Amino acid sequence: MVRRLSLLGLSLAFFTACAWAQRGPDIFVTPIPNAPFSGTVEVQRSIVQDDGHVFNMKTTRMIARDQDGDIYSEMRALVSPSFPRTPQLLRVHLYYPKTRITVMLDPATKTYRADAVNRPPATEPPGLFFAAPMGSDLPAGQYTDRADLGSRKMDGLEVHGVRITQTIPPSITGTGKPIVITDEYWYSYDLRINLRIEHNDPRTGSVTMQVTNLSLQQPNPALFQIPAGYQVAGAQRGAGKNQ
């Protein structure tokens, strides 16, 4: 059975699941047709602990979009930088824009959940946002600087860069010192996704995500199908029709 789900509900469900593997900014794959691609998102993340120690982690995951705009996006565990193997696959998110059906696959249990969204997701990456919780309460533009970084090539595609710098003044931080938070985005107009994202907050850490191994060929159609042997989440095995 396919449930109806609001766009807000879809976003909350998807990004909650994604947070198991990484938190903060993410590479958002837009559901646009006629621009197929596949690639690997390389993630480097550091987390500042309460005692000041910095904990470094990494992960890698595949993303893809077919000619129809269908989306395939993996979520994998964060692991130590020295971890020699591919990180564990936690979830796979599928989205079909023609039917507005979103599917979340759970490889561990071989189950899936399908929902219908009320409105289609945006066809552009989410707007630039401030990572600091207090940042949204600051007057727009008062503590913010936007720098155009120009254009350059990534994996053969032209991308355009923007850096957003938020300076939280000492009067708000309560530490007697300003806090400078930066977010950098490198956007491909051809694919209409960010190919690189950098976020740095001295209080919590940093994250860098970049799409590598980029291919503009039509991905394997099997990626966008529910694998054989998967059942609807909550259904008893052996009951009903095979999915």
C-alpha atoms as a PDB file:
ATOM      1  CA  MET A   1       0.000   0.000   0.000  1.00  0.00           C
ATOM      2  CA  VAL A   2       1.202   3.530  -0.837  1.00  0.00           C
ATOM      3  CA  ARG A   3       0.518   6.191   1.774  1.00  0.00           C
ATOM      4  CA  ARG A   4       0.032   9.902   1.086  1.00  0.00           C
ATOM      5  CA  LEU A   5       2.794  12.011   2.532  1.00  0.00           C
ATOM      6  CA  SER A   6       3.221  15.758   2.610  1.00  0.00           C
ATOM      7  CA  LEU A   7       6.356  17.300   1.160  1.00  0.00           C
ATOM      8  CA  LEU A   8       7.366  18.378   4.660  1.00  0.00           C
ATOM      9  CA  GLY A   9       6.819  14.856   5.969  1.00  0.00           C
ATOM     10  CA  LEU A  10       8.904  13.427   3.146  1.00  0.00           C
ATOM     11  CA  SER A  11      11.725  15.839   3.851  1.00  0.00           C
ATOM     12  CA  LEU A  12      11.698  15.056   7.574  1.00  0.00           C
ATOM     13  CA  ALA A  13      11.628  11.303   6.994  1.00  0.00           C
ATOM     14  CA  PHE A  14      14.355  11.392   4.397  1.00  0.00           C
ATOM     15  CA  PHE A  15      16.742  13.672   6.231  1.00  0.00           C
ATOM     16  CA  THR A  16      16.204  11.859   9.545  1.00  0.00           C
ATOM     17  CA  ALA A  17      17.317   8.644   7.889  1.00  0.00           C
ATOM     18  CA  CYS A  18      20.166  10.422   6.186  1.00  0.00           C
ATOM     19  CA  ALA A  19      21.368  11.796   9.524  1.00  0.00           C
ATOM     20  CA  TRP A  20      22.351   8.277  10.586  1.00  0.00           C
ATOM     21  CA  ALA A  21      25.166   8.464   8.080  1.00  0.00           C
ATOM     22  CA  GLN A  22      25.920  12.177   8.075  1.00  0.00           C
ATOM     23  CA  ARG A  23      24.460  15.352   9.506  1.00  0.00           C
ATOM     24  CA  GLY A  24      24.246  18.846   8.123  1.00  0.00           C
ATOM     25  CA  PRO A  25      24.506  19.862   4.458  1.00  0.00           C
ATOM     26  CA  ASP A  26      23.962  17.186   1.846  1.00  0.00           C
ATOM     27  CA  ILE A  27      24.157  16.670  -1.919  1.00  0.00           C
ATOM     28  CA  PHE A  28      20.522  16.959  -2.985  1.00  0.00           C
ATOM     29  CA  VAL A  29      19.699  15.179  -6.266  1.00  0.00           C
ATOM     30  CA  THR A  30      17.013  17.097  -8.138  1.00  0.00           C
ATOM     31  CA  PRO A  31      14.335  15.037  -9.962  1.00  0.00           C
ATOM     32  CA  ILE A  32      14.690  16.557 -13.436  1.00  0.00           C
ATOM     33  CA  PRO A  33      14.383  14.600 -16.703  1.00  0.00           C
ATOM     34  CA  ASN A  34      16.775  14.436 -19.656  1.00  0.00           C
ATOM     35  CA  ALA A  35      19.913  14.833 -17.539  1.00  0.00           C
ATOM     36  CA  PRO A  36      20.975  11.301 -16.507  1.00  0.00           C
ATOM     37  CA  PHE A  37      24.087  10.786 -14.439  1.00  0.00           C
ATOM     38  CA  SER A  38      25.670   8.664 -11.745  1.00  0.00           C
ATOM     39  CA  GLY A  39      28.469   9.406  -9.336  1.00  0.00           C
ATOM     40  CA  THR A  40      30.032   8.795  -5.945  1.00  0.00           C
ATOM     41  CA  VAL A  41      29.663  11.251  -3.074  1.00  0.00           C
ATOM     42  CA  GLU A  42      32.867  11.343  -1.027  1.00  0.00           C
ATOM     43  CA  VAL A  43      32.253  12.677   2.480  1.00  0.00           C
ATOM     44  CA  GLN A  44      34.881  13.911   4.941  1.00  0.00           C
ATOM     45  CA  ARG A  45      33.523  14.987   8.310  1.00  0.00           C
ATOM     46  CA  SER A  46      35.022  16.231  11.573  1.00  0.00           C
ATOM     47  CA  ILE A  47      33.116  16.604  14.826  1.00  0.00           C
ATOM     48  CA  VAL A  48      34.329  18.761  17.702  1.00  0.00           C
ATOM     49  CA  GLN A  49      33.756  16.982  21.004  1.00  0.00           C
ATOM     50  CA  ASP A  50      32.853  18.740  24.260  1.00  0.00           C
ATOM     51  CA  ASP A  51      36.451  18.396  25.444  1.00  0.00           C
ATOM     52  CA  GLY A  52      37.772  19.999  22.264  1.00  0.00           C
ATOM     53  CA  HIS A  53      38.970  16.751  20.684  1.00  0.00           C
ATOM     54  CA  VAL A  54      38.236  16.504  16.968  1.00  0.00           C
ATOM     55  CA  PHE A  55      36.806  13.210  15.742  1.00  0.00           C
ATOM     56  CA  ASN A  56      37.334  12.585  12.014  1.00  0.00           C
ATOM     57  CA  MET A  57      35.113  10.325   9.911  1.00  0.00           C
ATOM     58  CA  LYS A  58      34.403   9.532   6.282  1.00  0.00           C
ATOM     59  CA  THR A  59      31.883   7.758   4.107  1.00  0.00           C
ATOM     60  CA  THR A  60      31.116   7.234   0.452  1.00  0.00           C
ATOM     61  CA  ARG A  61      27.826   6.618  -1.300  1.00  0.00           C
ATOM     62  CA  MET A  62      26.370   6.365  -4.769  1.00  0.00           C
ATOM     63  CA  ILE A  63      23.819   8.721  -6.304  1.00  0.00           C
ATOM     64  CA  ALA A  64      22.151   8.481  -9.709  1.00  0.00           C
ATOM     65  CA  ARG A  65      19.367   9.921 -11.844  1.00  0.00           C
ATOM     66  CA  ASP A  66      17.925   8.406 -15.007  1.00  0.00           C
ATOM     67  CA  GLN A  67      16.487   9.921 -18.179  1.00  0.00           C
ATOM     68  CA  ASP A  68      13.027  10.192 -16.584  1.00  0.00           C
ATOM     69  CA  GLY A  69      14.353  12.044 -13.531  1.00  0.00           C
ATOM     70  CA  ASP A  70      14.034   9.019 -11.226  1.00  0.00           C
ATOM     71  CA  ILE A  71      16.444   9.229  -8.288  1.00  0.00           C
ATOM     72  CA  TYR A  72      18.665   6.680  -6.568  1.00  0.00           C
ATOM     73  CA  SER A  73      20.498   7.804  -3.417  1.00  0.00           C
ATOM     74  CA  GLU A  74      22.409   5.693  -0.896  1.00  0.00           C
ATOM     75  CA  MET A  75      22.969   6.356   2.798  1.00  0.00           C
ATOM     76  CA  ARG A  76      26.022   4.682   4.318  1.00  0.00           C
ATOM     77  CA  ALA A  77      27.599   4.620   7.758  1.00  0.00           C
ATOM     78  CA  LEU A  78      30.302   7.062   8.770  1.00  0.00           C
ATOM     79  CA  VAL A  79      33.568   5.238   9.492  1.00  0.00           C
ATOM     80  CA  SER A  80      37.116   5.960  10.596  1.00  0.00           C
ATOM     81  CA  PRO A  81      39.418   7.468   7.925  1.00  0.00           C
ATOM     82  CA  SER A  82      41.546   4.298   8.145  1.00  0.00           C
ATOM     83  CA  PHE A  83      38.576   1.971   7.546  1.00  0.00           C
ATOM     84  CA  PRO A  84      39.670  -0.157   4.545  1.00  0.00           C
ATOM     85  CA  ARG A  85      36.302  -1.323   3.209  1.00  0.00           C
ATOM     86  CA  THR A  86      33.180   0.240   1.730  1.00  0.00           C
ATOM     87  CA  PRO A  87      31.007   1.590   4.581  1.00  0.00           C
ATOM     88  CA  GLN A  88      27.858  -0.331   5.474  1.00  0.00           C
ATOM     89  CA  LEU A  89      24.790   0.457   3.390  1.00  0.00           C
ATOM     90  CA  LEU A  90      22.056   1.713   5.737  1.00  0.00           C
ATOM     91  CA  ARG A  91      19.275   2.878   3.449  1.00  0.00           C
ATOM     92  CA  VAL A  92      18.503   3.481  -0.221  1.00  0.00           C
ATOM     93  CA  HIS A  93      16.144   6.253  -1.252  1.00  0.00           C
ATOM     94  CA  LEU A  94      14.262   5.991  -4.571  1.00  0.00           C
ATOM     95  CA  TYR A  95      12.027   8.678  -5.999  1.00  0.00           C
ATOM     96  CA  TYR A  96       9.825   8.610  -9.111  1.00  0.00           C
ATOM     97  CA  PRO A  97       8.736  12.147 -10.120  1.00  0.00           C
ATOM     98  CA  LYS A  98       6.103  11.040 -12.657  1.00  0.00           C
ATOM     99  CA  THR A  99       4.095   9.283  -9.943  1.00  0.00           C
ATOM    100  CA  ARG A 100       5.439  11.249  -6.939  1.00  0.00           C
ATOM    101  CA  ILE A 101       6.238   7.993  -5.202  1.00  0.00           C
ATOM    102  CA  THR A 102       9.142   7.880  -2.774  1.00  0.00           C
ATOM    103  CA  VAL A 103      10.554   4.546  -1.586  1.00  0.00           C
ATOM    104  CA  MET A 104      12.934   3.854   1.304  1.00  0.00           C
ATOM    105  CA  LEU A 105      14.750   0.514   1.143  1.00  0.00           C
ATOM    106  CA  ASP A 106      16.192  -1.156   4.247  1.00  0.00           C
ATOM    107  CA  PRO A 107      18.915  -3.602   3.117  1.00  0.00           C
ATOM    108  CA  ALA A 108      19.341  -5.069   6.614  1.00  0.00           C
ATOM    109  CA  THR A 109      15.752  -6.324   6.784  1.00  0.00           C
ATOM    110  CA  LYS A 110      15.074  -6.461   3.034  1.00  0.00           C
ATOM    111  CA  THR A 111      11.975  -4.349   3.490  1.00  0.00           C
ATOM    112  CA  TYR A 112      10.752  -1.109   1.973  1.00  0.00           C
ATOM    113  CA  ARG A 113       8.270   1.662   2.630  1.00  0.00           C
ATOM    114  CA  ALA A 114       6.534   3.524  -0.200  1.00  0.00           C
ATOM    115  CA  ASP A 115       4.788   6.886   0.137  1.00  0.00           C
ATOM    116  CA  ALA A 116       3.199   9.418  -2.203  1.00  0.00           C
ATOM    117  CA  VAL A 117       4.120  13.086  -1.842  1.00  0.00           C
ATOM    118  CA  ASN A 118       1.449  15.761  -2.191  1.00  0.00           C
ATOM    119  CA  ARG A 119       3.694  18.106  -4.150  1.00  0.00           C
ATOM    120  CA  PRO A 120       6.813  17.404  -6.189  1.00  0.00           C
ATOM    121  CA  PRO A 121      10.193  18.245  -4.604  1.00  0.00           C
ATOM    122  CA  ALA A 122      12.101  21.267  -5.831  1.00  0.00           C
ATOM    123  CA  THR A 123      13.975  21.023  -9.104  1.00  0.00           C
ATOM    124  CA  GLU A 124      16.815  23.081  -7.655  1.00  0.00           C
ATOM    125  CA  PRO A 125      18.940  22.264  -4.573  1.00  0.00           C
ATOM    126  CA  PRO A 126      17.586  23.645  -1.281  1.00  0.00           C
ATOM    127  CA  GLY A 127      18.327  27.305  -0.711  1.00  0.00           C
ATOM    128  CA  LEU A 128      21.498  28.316   1.048  1.00  0.00           C
ATOM    129  CA  PHE A 129      20.979  28.115   4.755  1.00  0.00           C
ATOM    130  CA  PHE A 130      22.824  28.818   7.971  1.00  0.00           C
ATOM    131  CA  ALA A 131      23.931  25.828  10.003  1.00  0.00           C
ATOM    132  CA  ALA A 132      23.904  27.670  13.310  1.00  0.00           C
ATOM    133  CA  PRO A 133      20.560  27.320  15.127  1.00  0.00           C
ATOM    134  CA  MET A 134      20.768  30.942  16.250  1.00  0.00           C
ATOM    135  CA  GLY A 135      21.534  32.085  12.733  1.00  0.00           C
ATOM    136  CA  SER A 136      17.939  31.976  11.548  1.00  0.00           C
ATOM    137  CA  ASP A 137      17.003  34.545  14.191  1.00  0.00           C
ATOM    138  CA  LEU A 138      19.545  37.114  13.007  1.00  0.00           C
ATOM    139  CA  PRO A 139      18.352  40.011  10.825  1.00  0.00           C
ATOM    140  CA  ALA A 140      18.821  39.052   7.176  1.00  0.00           C
ATOM    141  CA  GLY A 141      22.100  40.314   5.787  1.00  0.00           C
ATOM    142  CA  GLN A 142      23.277  42.021   8.971  1.00  0.00           C
ATOM    143  CA  TYR A 143      25.909  39.416   9.817  1.00  0.00           C
ATOM    144  CA  THR A 144      26.146  37.694   6.462  1.00  0.00           C
ATOM    145  CA  ASP A 145      28.476  38.032   3.495  1.00  0.00           C
ATOM    146  CA  ARG A 146      28.009  36.349   0.105  1.00  0.00           C
ATOM    147  CA  ALA A 147      31.060  35.956  -2.127  1.00  0.00           C
ATOM    148  CA  ASP A 148      30.977  34.884  -5.782  1.00  0.00           C
ATOM    149  CA  LEU A 149      33.820  32.407  -6.337  1.00  0.00           C
ATOM    150  CA  GLY A 150      33.498  32.325 -10.110  1.00  0.00           C
ATOM    151  CA  SER A 151      33.533  29.212 -12.287  1.00  0.00           C
ATOM    152  CA  ARG A 152      35.800  26.206 -12.635  1.00  0.00           C
ATOM    153  CA  LYS A 153      35.734  22.622 -13.913  1.00  0.00           C
ATOM    154  CA  MET A 154      34.872  19.550 -11.835  1.00  0.00           C
ATOM    155  CA  ASP A 155      34.913  16.144 -13.500  1.00  0.00           C
ATOM    156  CA  GLY A 156      34.701  17.889 -16.855  1.00  0.00           C
ATOM    157  CA  LEU A 157      31.649  19.993 -15.954  1.00  0.00           C
ATOM    158  CA  GLU A 158      31.602  23.724 -15.348  1.00  0.00           C
ATOM    159  CA  VAL A 159      30.502  24.652 -11.843  1.00  0.00           C
ATOM    160  CA  HIS A 160      29.858  28.003 -10.221  1.00  0.00           C
ATOM    161  CA  GLY A 161      30.903  28.666  -6.637  1.00  0.00           C
ATOM    162  CA  VAL A 162      29.372  30.739  -3.846  1.00  0.00           C
ATOM    163  CA  ARG A 163      30.669  31.192  -0.308  1.00  0.00           C
ATOM    164  CA  ILE A 164      28.340  32.304   2.485  1.00  0.00           C
ATOM    165  CA  THR A 165      30.070  33.645   5.595  1.00  0.00           C
ATOM    166  CA  GLN A 166      28.094  34.202   8.757  1.00  0.00           C
ATOM    167  CA  THR A 167      29.778  36.109  11.553  1.00  0.00           C
ATOM    168  CA  ILE A 168      28.032  35.840  14.897  1.00  0.00           C
ATOM    169  CA  PRO A 169      29.121  38.811  17.027  1.00  0.00           C
ATOM    170  CA  PRO A 170      30.450  38.473  20.603  1.00  0.00           C
ATOM    171  CA  SER A 171      27.301  40.071  21.985  1.00  0.00           C
ATOM    172  CA  ILE A 172      25.332  37.060  20.740  1.00  0.00           C
ATOM    173  CA  THR A 173      27.858  34.253  21.237  1.00  0.00           C
ATOM    174  CA  GLY A 174      28.380  35.131  24.904  1.00  0.00           C
ATOM    175  CA  THR A 175      32.042  34.099  24.646  1.00  0.00           C
ATOM    176  CA  GLY A 176      33.558  37.523  24.068  1.00  0.00           C
ATOM    177  CA  LYS A 177      34.687  36.404  20.616  1.00  0.00           C
ATOM    178  CA  PRO A 178      32.953  36.309  17.228  1.00  0.00           C
ATOM    179  CA  ILE A 179      32.144  32.967  15.595  1.00  0.00           C
ATOM    180  CA  VAL A 180      32.647  32.676  11.848  1.00  0.00           C
ATOM    181  CA  ILE A 181      30.663  29.987   9.997  1.00  0.00           C
ATOM    182  CA  THR A 182      31.245  29.332   6.312  1.00  0.00           C
ATOM    183  CA  ASP A 183      29.277  27.407   3.697  1.00  0.00           C
ATOM    184  CA  GLU A 184      30.603  26.896   0.181  1.00  0.00           C
ATOM    185  CA  TYR A 185      28.574  25.532  -2.758  1.00  0.00           C
ATOM    186  CA  TRP A 186      29.778  24.554  -6.241  1.00  0.00           C
ATOM    187  CA  TYR A 187      26.766  24.216  -8.531  1.00  0.00           C
ATOM    188  CA  SER A 188      26.491  22.532 -11.925  1.00  0.00           C
ATOM    189  CA  TYR A 189      23.925  24.203 -14.182  1.00  0.00           C
ATOM    190  CA  ASP A 190      24.073  21.209 -16.548  1.00  0.00           C
ATOM    191  CA  LEU A 191      23.051  18.694 -13.872  1.00  0.00           C
ATOM    192  CA  ARG A 192      21.282  21.183 -11.585  1.00  0.00           C
ATOM    193  CA  ILE A 193      22.932  19.803  -8.477  1.00  0.00           C
ATOM    194  CA  ASN A 194      25.789  20.892  -6.249  1.00  0.00           C
ATOM    195  CA  LEU A 195      28.906  18.898  -7.074  1.00  0.00           C
ATOM    196  CA  ARG A 196      30.745  20.092  -3.972  1.00  0.00           C
ATOM    197  CA  ILE A 197      29.649  21.414  -0.571  1.00  0.00           C
ATOM    198  CA  GLU A 198      31.860  22.626   2.270  1.00  0.00           C
ATOM    199  CA  HIS A 199      30.634  23.610   5.723  1.00  0.00           C
ATOM    200  CA  ASN A 200      32.734  24.774   8.655  1.00  0.00           C
ATOM    201  CA  ASP A 201      31.584  25.755  12.129  1.00  0.00           C
ATOM    202  CA  PRO A 202      34.372  26.019  14.756  1.00  0.00           C
ATOM    203  CA  ARG A 203      31.945  24.978  17.493  1.00  0.00           C
ATOM    204  CA  THR A 204      30.785  21.718  15.923  1.00  0.00           C
ATOM    205  CA  GLY A 205      33.208  20.782  13.131  1.00  0.00           C
ATOM    206  CA  SER A 206      33.266  20.616   9.360  1.00  0.00           C
ATOM    207  CA  VAL A 207      32.017  18.569   6.447  1.00  0.00           C
ATOM    208  CA  THR A 208      33.087  18.347   2.823  1.00  0.00           C
ATOM    209  CA  MET A 209      31.080  16.480   0.188  1.00  0.00           C
ATOM    210  CA  GLN A 210      32.123  16.104  -3.423  1.00  0.00           C
ATOM    211  CA  VAL A 211      30.674  14.129  -6.318  1.00  0.00           C
ATOM    212  CA  THR A 212      33.399  12.056  -8.002  1.00  0.00           C
ATOM    213  CA  ASN A 213      33.517   9.309 -10.669  1.00  0.00           C
ATOM    214  CA  LEU A 214      30.866  11.248 -12.543  1.00  0.00           C
ATOM    215  CA  SER A 215      29.242   9.569 -15.559  1.00  0.00           C
ATOM    216  CA  LEU A 216      26.670  11.235 -17.811  1.00  0.00           C
ATOM    217  CA  GLN A 217      25.499   7.934 -19.272  1.00  0.00           C
ATOM    218  CA  GLN A 218      22.092   6.410 -18.514  1.00  0.00           C
ATOM    219  CA  PRO A 219      22.523   4.448 -15.234  1.00  0.00           C
ATOM    220  CA  ASN A 220      21.655   0.773 -14.881  1.00  0.00           C
ATOM    221  CA  PRO A 221      17.807   0.581 -14.810  1.00  0.00           C
ATOM    222  CA  ALA A 222      18.020  -1.994 -12.006  1.00  0.00           C
ATOM    223  CA  LEU A 223      19.126   0.747  -9.608  1.00  0.00           C
ATOM    224  CA  PHE A 224      15.675   2.324  -9.733  1.00  0.00           C
ATOM    225  CA  GLN A 225      13.739  -0.868  -9.048  1.00  0.00           C
ATOM    226  CA  ILE A 226      12.788  -2.444  -5.728  1.00  0.00           C
ATOM    227  CA  PRO A 227      15.094  -5.486  -5.486  1.00  0.00           C
ATOM    228  CA  ALA A 228      13.640  -8.963  -5.683  1.00  0.00           C
ATOM    229  CA  GLY A 229      12.950 -10.472  -2.268  1.00  0.00           C
ATOM    230  CA  TYR A 230      12.072  -7.147  -0.573  1.00  0.00           C
ATOM    231  CA  GLN A 231       8.744  -6.899   1.236  1.00  0.00           C
ATOM    232  CA  VAL A 232       6.647  -4.028   2.516  1.00  0.00           C
ATOM    233  CA  ALA A 233       7.831  -2.998   5.974  1.00  0.00           C
ATOM    234  CA  GLY A 234       5.649  -4.615   8.645  1.00  0.00           C
ATOM    235  CA  ALA A 235       4.313  -7.328   6.357  1.00  0.00           C
ATOM    236  CA  GLN A 236       4.783 -10.962   7.401  1.00  0.00           C
ATOM    237  CA  ARG A 237       7.207 -12.859   5.207  1.00  0.00           C
ATOM    238  CA  GLY A 238       5.502 -15.320   2.946  1.00  0.00           C
ATOM    239  CA  ALA A 239       2.221 -13.413   3.065  1.00  0.00           C
ATOM    240  CA  GLY A 240       0.750 -11.773  -0.014  1.00  0.00           C
ATOM    241  CA  LYS A 241       2.353 -11.323  -3.402  1.00  0.00           C
ATOM    242  CA  ASN A 242       6.075 -11.193  -3.933  1.00  0.00           C
ATOM    243  CA  GLN A 243       7.385  -7.705  -4.521  1.00  0.00           C
END
